[in-house]
Amino acid sequence: METEVGRIAGLLEASEKQPTPLQQELDRTGKRLSVIMLVICAVVFAARLVSTTTFTLNVVLGLFLFAVALALAAIPEAAAVAPPREYGGRTLGAADTCAHFTTLQKKRRT
């Protein structure tokens, strides 16, 4: 760290990594979409619950599972804008994540 390059490297490591404006906007958009999706699921669950004629545990659980499935259907929309995750000091892309999942599946079979 006695050279100019070493000093610059030390300054870069010491600085806080602020999220970029794009990352901040993606976070805000993701939170908004999550809230909107939860409200839609709650409205659909309530509307179906009100419109049903029988109130058995199976009916209520079926309606609940339908609402959960509706919420899970929105995940691909939100996942497309999610930034890549970091693993072991390097950023994983979609191909790395799929390869890791495939490796885990092969280990389970053996």
N, C-alpha and C. Protein backbone atom coordinates (compact mmCIF):
# COMPACT_ATOMS: atom_id res chain seq x y z
N MET A 1 0.81 -1.18 0.00
CA MET A 1 0.00 0.00 0.00
C MET A 1 0.87 1.26 0.00
N GLU A 2 2.14 1.11 -0.31
CA GLU A 2 3.02 2.27 -0.32
C GLU A 2 3.04 2.96 -1.67
N THR A 3 2.49 2.33 -2.69
CA THR A 3 2.45 2.95 -4.02
C THR A 3 1.15 3.73 -4.17
N GLU A 4 1.08 4.51 -5.23
CA GLU A 4 -0.13 5.29 -5.51
C GLU A 4 -1.31 4.36 -5.80
N VAL A 5 -1.05 3.29 -6.54
CA VAL A 5 -2.11 2.31 -6.85
C VAL A 5 -2.60 1.65 -5.56
N GLY A 6 -1.69 1.32 -4.67
CA GLY A 6 -2.08 0.73 -3.39
C GLY A 6 -2.90 1.68 -2.55
N ARG A 7 -2.54 2.96 -2.58
CA ARG A 7 -3.30 3.95 -1.82
C ARG A 7 -4.72 4.07 -2.38
N ILE A 8 -4.83 4.09 -3.71
CA ILE A 8 -6.16 4.17 -4.34
C ILE A 8 -6.98 2.93 -4.03
N ALA A 9 -6.33 1.76 -4.06
CA ALA A 9 -7.04 0.51 -3.74
C ALA A 9 -7.54 0.54 -2.30
N GLY A 10 -6.72 1.07 -1.38
CA GLY A 10 -7.14 1.18 0.02
C GLY A 10 -8.32 2.12 0.18
N LEU A 11 -8.31 3.23 -0.56
CA LEU A 11 -9.43 4.17 -0.51
C LEU A 11 -10.71 3.55 -1.06
N LEU A 12 -10.58 2.77 -2.13
CA LEU A 12 -11.75 2.12 -2.71
C LEU A 12 -12.36 1.09 -1.76
N GLU A 13 -11.51 0.34 -1.06
CA GLU A 13 -12.01 -0.67 -0.13
C GLU A 13 -12.66 -0.02 1.09
N ALA A 14 -12.15 1.14 1.50
CA ALA A 14 -12.66 1.79 2.70
C ALA A 14 -13.97 2.53 2.43
N SER A 15 -14.24 2.87 1.19
CA SER A 15 -15.44 3.65 0.89
C SER A 15 -16.69 2.78 0.99
N GLU A 16 -17.80 3.42 1.39
CA GLU A 16 -19.07 2.71 1.47
C GLU A 16 -19.62 2.53 0.06
N LYS A 17 -20.19 1.37 -0.18
CA LYS A 17 -20.78 1.12 -1.49
C LYS A 17 -22.25 1.55 -1.44
N GLN A 18 -22.52 2.67 -2.04
CA GLN A 18 -23.88 3.20 -2.11
C GLN A 18 -24.62 2.52 -3.25
N PRO A 19 -25.90 2.20 -3.05
CA PRO A 19 -26.66 1.64 -4.17
C PRO A 19 -26.83 2.69 -5.26
N THR A 20 -26.79 2.23 -6.48
CA THR A 20 -26.95 3.14 -7.61
C THR A 20 -28.40 3.61 -7.68
N PRO A 21 -28.66 4.70 -8.39
CA PRO A 21 -30.05 5.14 -8.54
C PRO A 21 -30.95 4.07 -9.16
N LEU A 22 -30.40 3.28 -10.07
CA LEU A 22 -31.18 2.19 -10.66
C LEU A 22 -31.56 1.15 -9.61
N GLN A 23 -30.60 0.78 -8.75
CA GLN A 23 -30.89 -0.19 -7.69
C GLN A 23 -31.91 0.36 -6.71
N GLN A 24 -31.82 1.65 -6.39
CA GLN A 24 -32.80 2.26 -5.49
C GLN A 24 -34.19 2.25 -6.11
N GLU A 25 -34.27 2.56 -7.39
CA GLU A 25 -35.57 2.55 -8.06
C GLU A 25 -36.13 1.13 -8.17
N LEU A 26 -35.27 0.16 -8.43
CA LEU A 26 -35.73 -1.23 -8.47
C LEU A 26 -36.25 -1.68 -7.11
N ASP A 27 -35.60 -1.27 -6.04
CA ASP A 27 -36.07 -1.61 -4.70
C ASP A 27 -37.45 -1.00 -4.44
N ARG A 28 -37.60 0.28 -4.79
CA ARG A 28 -38.89 0.94 -4.58
C ARG A 28 -39.98 0.28 -5.42
N THR A 29 -39.66 -0.03 -6.68
CA THR A 29 -40.65 -0.66 -7.56
C THR A 29 -41.01 -2.06 -7.06
N GLY A 30 -40.02 -2.80 -6.60
CA GLY A 30 -40.30 -4.14 -6.06
C GLY A 30 -41.20 -4.09 -4.83
N LYS A 31 -40.96 -3.12 -3.96
CA LYS A 31 -41.81 -2.98 -2.77
C LYS A 31 -43.23 -2.60 -3.16
N ARG A 32 -43.36 -1.69 -4.13
CA ARG A 32 -44.70 -1.29 -4.58
C ARG A 32 -45.43 -2.48 -5.20
N LEU A 33 -44.73 -3.24 -6.05
CA LEU A 33 -45.37 -4.41 -6.67
C LEU A 33 -45.78 -5.44 -5.63
N SER A 34 -44.96 -5.62 -4.60
CA SER A 34 -45.29 -6.58 -3.54
C SER A 34 -46.54 -6.17 -2.80
N VAL A 35 -46.63 -4.89 -2.46
CA VAL A 35 -47.82 -4.41 -1.74
C VAL A 35 -49.06 -4.52 -2.62
N ILE A 36 -48.93 -4.13 -3.89
CA ILE A 36 -50.07 -4.22 -4.80
C ILE A 36 -50.52 -5.68 -4.95
N MET A 37 -49.56 -6.59 -5.07
CA MET A 37 -49.91 -8.00 -5.24
C MET A 37 -50.58 -8.56 -3.99
N LEU A 38 -50.10 -8.17 -2.81
CA LEU A 38 -50.74 -8.64 -1.58
C LEU A 38 -52.16 -8.11 -1.46
N VAL A 39 -52.38 -6.86 -1.85
CA VAL A 39 -53.73 -6.30 -1.81
C VAL A 39 -54.64 -7.04 -2.78
N ILE A 40 -54.15 -7.31 -3.97
CA ILE A 40 -54.96 -8.05 -4.96
C ILE A 40 -55.29 -9.44 -4.44
N CYS A 41 -54.32 -10.12 -3.85
CA CYS A 41 -54.57 -11.46 -3.31
C CYS A 41 -55.59 -11.42 -2.18
N ALA A 42 -55.49 -10.42 -1.33
CA ALA A 42 -56.44 -10.30 -0.22
C ALA A 42 -57.85 -10.02 -0.75
N VAL A 43 -57.97 -9.17 -1.76
CA VAL A 43 -59.28 -8.86 -2.33
C VAL A 43 -59.87 -10.10 -3.00
N VAL A 44 -59.06 -10.82 -3.75
CA VAL A 44 -59.55 -12.04 -4.42
C VAL A 44 -59.98 -13.07 -3.38
N PHE A 45 -59.18 -13.25 -2.33
CA PHE A 45 -59.53 -14.21 -1.28
C PHE A 45 -60.84 -13.81 -0.61
N ALA A 46 -60.96 -12.52 -0.27
CA ALA A 46 -62.19 -12.05 0.40
C ALA A 46 -63.40 -12.18 -0.52
N ALA A 47 -63.25 -11.84 -1.79
CA ALA A 47 -64.37 -11.93 -2.73
C ALA A 47 -64.82 -13.37 -2.93
N ARG A 48 -63.87 -14.27 -3.04
CA ARG A 48 -64.24 -15.68 -3.20
C ARG A 48 -64.84 -16.24 -1.92
N LEU A 49 -64.35 -15.77 -0.77
CA LEU A 49 -64.88 -16.23 0.51
C LEU A 49 -66.32 -15.77 0.70
N VAL A 50 -66.60 -14.54 0.30
CA VAL A 50 -67.96 -14.00 0.42
C VAL A 50 -68.91 -14.70 -0.54
N SER A 51 -68.41 -15.05 -1.72
CA SER A 51 -69.29 -15.64 -2.74
C SER A 51 -69.54 -17.14 -2.53
N THR A 52 -68.80 -17.79 -1.66
CA THR A 52 -69.00 -19.22 -1.44
C THR A 52 -70.24 -19.46 -0.58
N THR A 53 -70.85 -20.60 -0.79
CA THR A 53 -72.07 -20.91 -0.04
C THR A 53 -71.80 -21.84 1.14
N THR A 54 -70.71 -22.59 1.10
CA THR A 54 -70.37 -23.48 2.21
C THR A 54 -69.06 -23.05 2.84
N PHE A 55 -69.01 -23.09 4.16
CA PHE A 55 -67.81 -22.69 4.88
C PHE A 55 -67.23 -23.88 5.62
N THR A 56 -66.58 -24.74 4.87
CA THR A 56 -65.87 -25.84 5.49
C THR A 56 -64.38 -25.53 5.46
N LEU A 57 -63.64 -26.29 6.22
CA LEU A 57 -62.19 -26.08 6.27
C LEU A 57 -61.57 -26.30 4.90
N ASN A 58 -62.04 -27.31 4.17
CA ASN A 58 -61.50 -27.58 2.84
C ASN A 58 -61.74 -26.42 1.88
N VAL A 59 -62.90 -25.82 1.94
CA VAL A 59 -63.21 -24.69 1.06
C VAL A 59 -62.32 -23.50 1.38
N VAL A 60 -62.18 -23.19 2.67
CA VAL A 60 -61.36 -22.04 3.07
C VAL A 60 -59.90 -22.29 2.73
N LEU A 61 -59.40 -23.50 2.97
CA LEU A 61 -58.02 -23.81 2.61
C LEU A 61 -57.81 -23.76 1.10
N GLY A 62 -58.77 -24.22 0.34
CA GLY A 62 -58.68 -24.14 -1.11
C GLY A 62 -58.62 -22.70 -1.60
N LEU A 63 -59.44 -21.84 -1.00
CA LEU A 63 -59.40 -20.43 -1.37
C LEU A 63 -58.08 -19.79 -0.97
N PHE A 64 -57.57 -20.18 0.18
CA PHE A 64 -56.28 -19.65 0.63
C PHE A 64 -55.16 -20.09 -0.31
N LEU A 65 -55.17 -21.36 -0.69
CA LEU A 65 -54.16 -21.86 -1.61
C LEU A 65 -54.25 -21.18 -2.97
N PHE A 66 -55.47 -20.87 -3.39
CA PHE A 66 -55.63 -20.14 -4.64
C PHE A 66 -55.00 -18.76 -4.54
N ALA A 67 -55.22 -18.06 -3.42
CA ALA A 67 -54.65 -16.73 -3.22
C ALA A 67 -53.12 -16.80 -3.17
N VAL A 68 -52.59 -17.83 -2.51
CA VAL A 68 -51.13 -18.00 -2.45
C VAL A 68 -50.57 -18.29 -3.85
N ALA A 69 -51.25 -19.13 -4.61
CA ALA A 69 -50.81 -19.43 -5.97
C ALA A 69 -50.83 -18.18 -6.84
N LEU A 70 -51.81 -17.34 -6.63
CA LEU A 70 -51.89 -16.08 -7.36
C LEU A 70 -50.70 -15.19 -7.02
N ALA A 71 -50.34 -15.14 -5.74
CA ALA A 71 -49.19 -14.35 -5.33
C ALA A 71 -47.90 -14.92 -5.90
N LEU A 72 -47.76 -16.23 -5.90
CA LEU A 72 -46.56 -16.86 -6.43
C LEU A 72 -46.44 -16.70 -7.94
N ALA A 73 -47.55 -16.54 -8.62
CA ALA A 73 -47.52 -16.34 -10.06
C ALA A 73 -46.88 -15.00 -10.42
N ALA A 74 -46.85 -14.08 -9.49
CA ALA A 74 -46.24 -12.76 -9.75
C ALA A 74 -44.73 -12.79 -9.57
N ILE A 75 -44.17 -13.84 -9.02
CA ILE A 75 -42.73 -13.89 -8.74
C ILE A 75 -41.88 -13.77 -10.01
N PRO A 76 -42.20 -14.43 -11.13
CA PRO A 76 -41.35 -14.26 -12.30
C PRO A 76 -41.28 -12.81 -12.77
N GLU A 77 -42.34 -12.04 -12.61
CA GLU A 77 -42.31 -10.64 -12.99
C GLU A 77 -41.33 -9.87 -12.13
N ALA A 78 -41.33 -10.13 -10.84
CA ALA A 78 -40.43 -9.41 -9.93
C ALA A 78 -39.00 -9.94 -10.04
N ALA A 79 -38.83 -11.22 -10.30
CA ALA A 79 -37.49 -11.80 -10.37
C ALA A 79 -36.73 -11.30 -11.60
N ALA A 80 -37.42 -10.90 -12.63
CA ALA A 80 -36.75 -10.44 -13.84
C ALA A 80 -36.00 -9.13 -13.61
N VAL A 81 -36.43 -8.33 -12.64
CA VAL A 81 -35.77 -7.05 -12.38
C VAL A 81 -34.86 -7.10 -11.17
N ALA A 82 -34.77 -8.25 -10.52
CA ALA A 82 -33.93 -8.35 -9.33
C ALA A 82 -32.46 -8.37 -9.74
N PRO A 83 -31.64 -7.63 -9.01
CA PRO A 83 -30.21 -7.65 -9.33
C PRO A 83 -29.61 -9.01 -8.99
N PRO A 84 -28.51 -9.40 -9.64
CA PRO A 84 -27.90 -10.70 -9.34
C PRO A 84 -27.35 -10.73 -7.92
N ARG A 85 -27.31 -11.92 -7.33
CA ARG A 85 -26.81 -12.04 -5.96
C ARG A 85 -25.33 -12.35 -5.97
N GLU A 86 -24.70 -12.06 -4.84
CA GLU A 86 -23.28 -12.33 -4.73
C GLU A 86 -23.07 -13.60 -3.92
N TYR A 87 -22.07 -14.36 -4.31
CA TYR A 87 -21.77 -15.59 -3.62
C TYR A 87 -20.26 -15.77 -3.62
N GLY A 88 -19.67 -15.81 -2.47
CA GLY A 88 -18.24 -16.04 -2.36
C GLY A 88 -17.40 -14.96 -3.00
N GLY A 89 -17.87 -13.71 -2.93
CA GLY A 89 -17.08 -12.62 -3.47
C GLY A 89 -17.27 -12.37 -4.96
N ARG A 90 -18.08 -13.19 -5.62
CA ARG A 90 -18.32 -12.94 -7.04
C ARG A 90 -19.82 -12.92 -7.29
N THR A 91 -20.21 -12.22 -8.32
CA THR A 91 -21.62 -12.09 -8.65
C THR A 91 -22.08 -13.29 -9.46
N LEU A 92 -23.19 -13.85 -9.04
CA LEU A 92 -23.75 -15.00 -9.76
C LEU A 92 -24.78 -14.52 -10.77
N GLY A 93 -24.68 -14.99 -11.96
CA GLY A 93 -25.69 -14.72 -12.96
C GLY A 93 -26.69 -15.87 -13.01
N ALA A 94 -27.59 -15.81 -13.95
CA ALA A 94 -28.61 -16.85 -14.07
C ALA A 94 -28.00 -18.20 -14.40
N ALA A 95 -26.99 -18.21 -15.26
CA ALA A 95 -26.37 -19.48 -15.65
C ALA A 95 -25.67 -20.14 -14.46
N ASP A 96 -24.98 -19.34 -13.64
CA ASP A 96 -24.32 -19.89 -12.46
C ASP A 96 -25.33 -20.46 -11.47
N THR A 97 -26.44 -19.75 -11.29
CA THR A 97 -27.46 -20.21 -10.35
C THR A 97 -28.07 -21.52 -10.82
N CYS A 98 -28.36 -21.63 -12.12
CA CYS A 98 -28.91 -22.87 -12.67
C CYS A 98 -27.92 -24.02 -12.54
N ALA A 99 -26.65 -23.74 -12.80
CA ALA A 99 -25.64 -24.77 -12.68
C ALA A 99 -25.50 -25.24 -11.25
N HIS A 100 -25.59 -24.31 -10.30
CA HIS A 100 -25.51 -24.67 -8.88
C HIS A 100 -26.70 -25.54 -8.49
N PHE A 101 -27.90 -25.17 -8.96
CA PHE A 101 -29.10 -25.94 -8.66
C PHE A 101 -28.99 -27.34 -9.25
N THR A 102 -28.50 -27.46 -10.49
CA THR A 102 -28.35 -28.76 -11.13
C THR A 102 -27.36 -29.63 -10.36
N THR A 103 -26.28 -29.03 -9.87
CA THR A 103 -25.30 -29.77 -9.09
C THR A 103 -25.92 -30.29 -7.80
N LEU A 104 -26.74 -29.47 -7.14
CA LEU A 104 -27.41 -29.91 -5.92
C LEU A 104 -28.36 -31.07 -6.20
N GLN A 105 -29.08 -30.99 -7.32
CA GLN A 105 -30.00 -32.07 -7.67
C GLN A 105 -29.25 -33.38 -7.91
N LYS A 106 -28.10 -33.32 -8.58
CA LYS A 106 -27.32 -34.52 -8.84
C LYS A 106 -26.78 -35.12 -7.56
N LYS A 107 -26.38 -34.28 -6.61
CA LYS A 107 -25.86 -34.78 -5.32
C LYS A 107 -26.95 -35.49 -4.53
N ARG A 108 -28.17 -35.00 -4.63
CA ARG A 108 -29.28 -35.61 -3.89
C ARG A 108 -29.61 -36.99 -4.45
N ARG A 109 -29.46 -37.17 -5.75
CA ARG A 109 -29.80 -38.46 -6.37
C ARG A 109 -28.81 -39.55 -6.01
N THR A 110 -27.57 -39.17 -5.73
CA THR A 110 -26.55 -40.19 -5.44
C THR A 110 -26.48 -40.50 -3.99
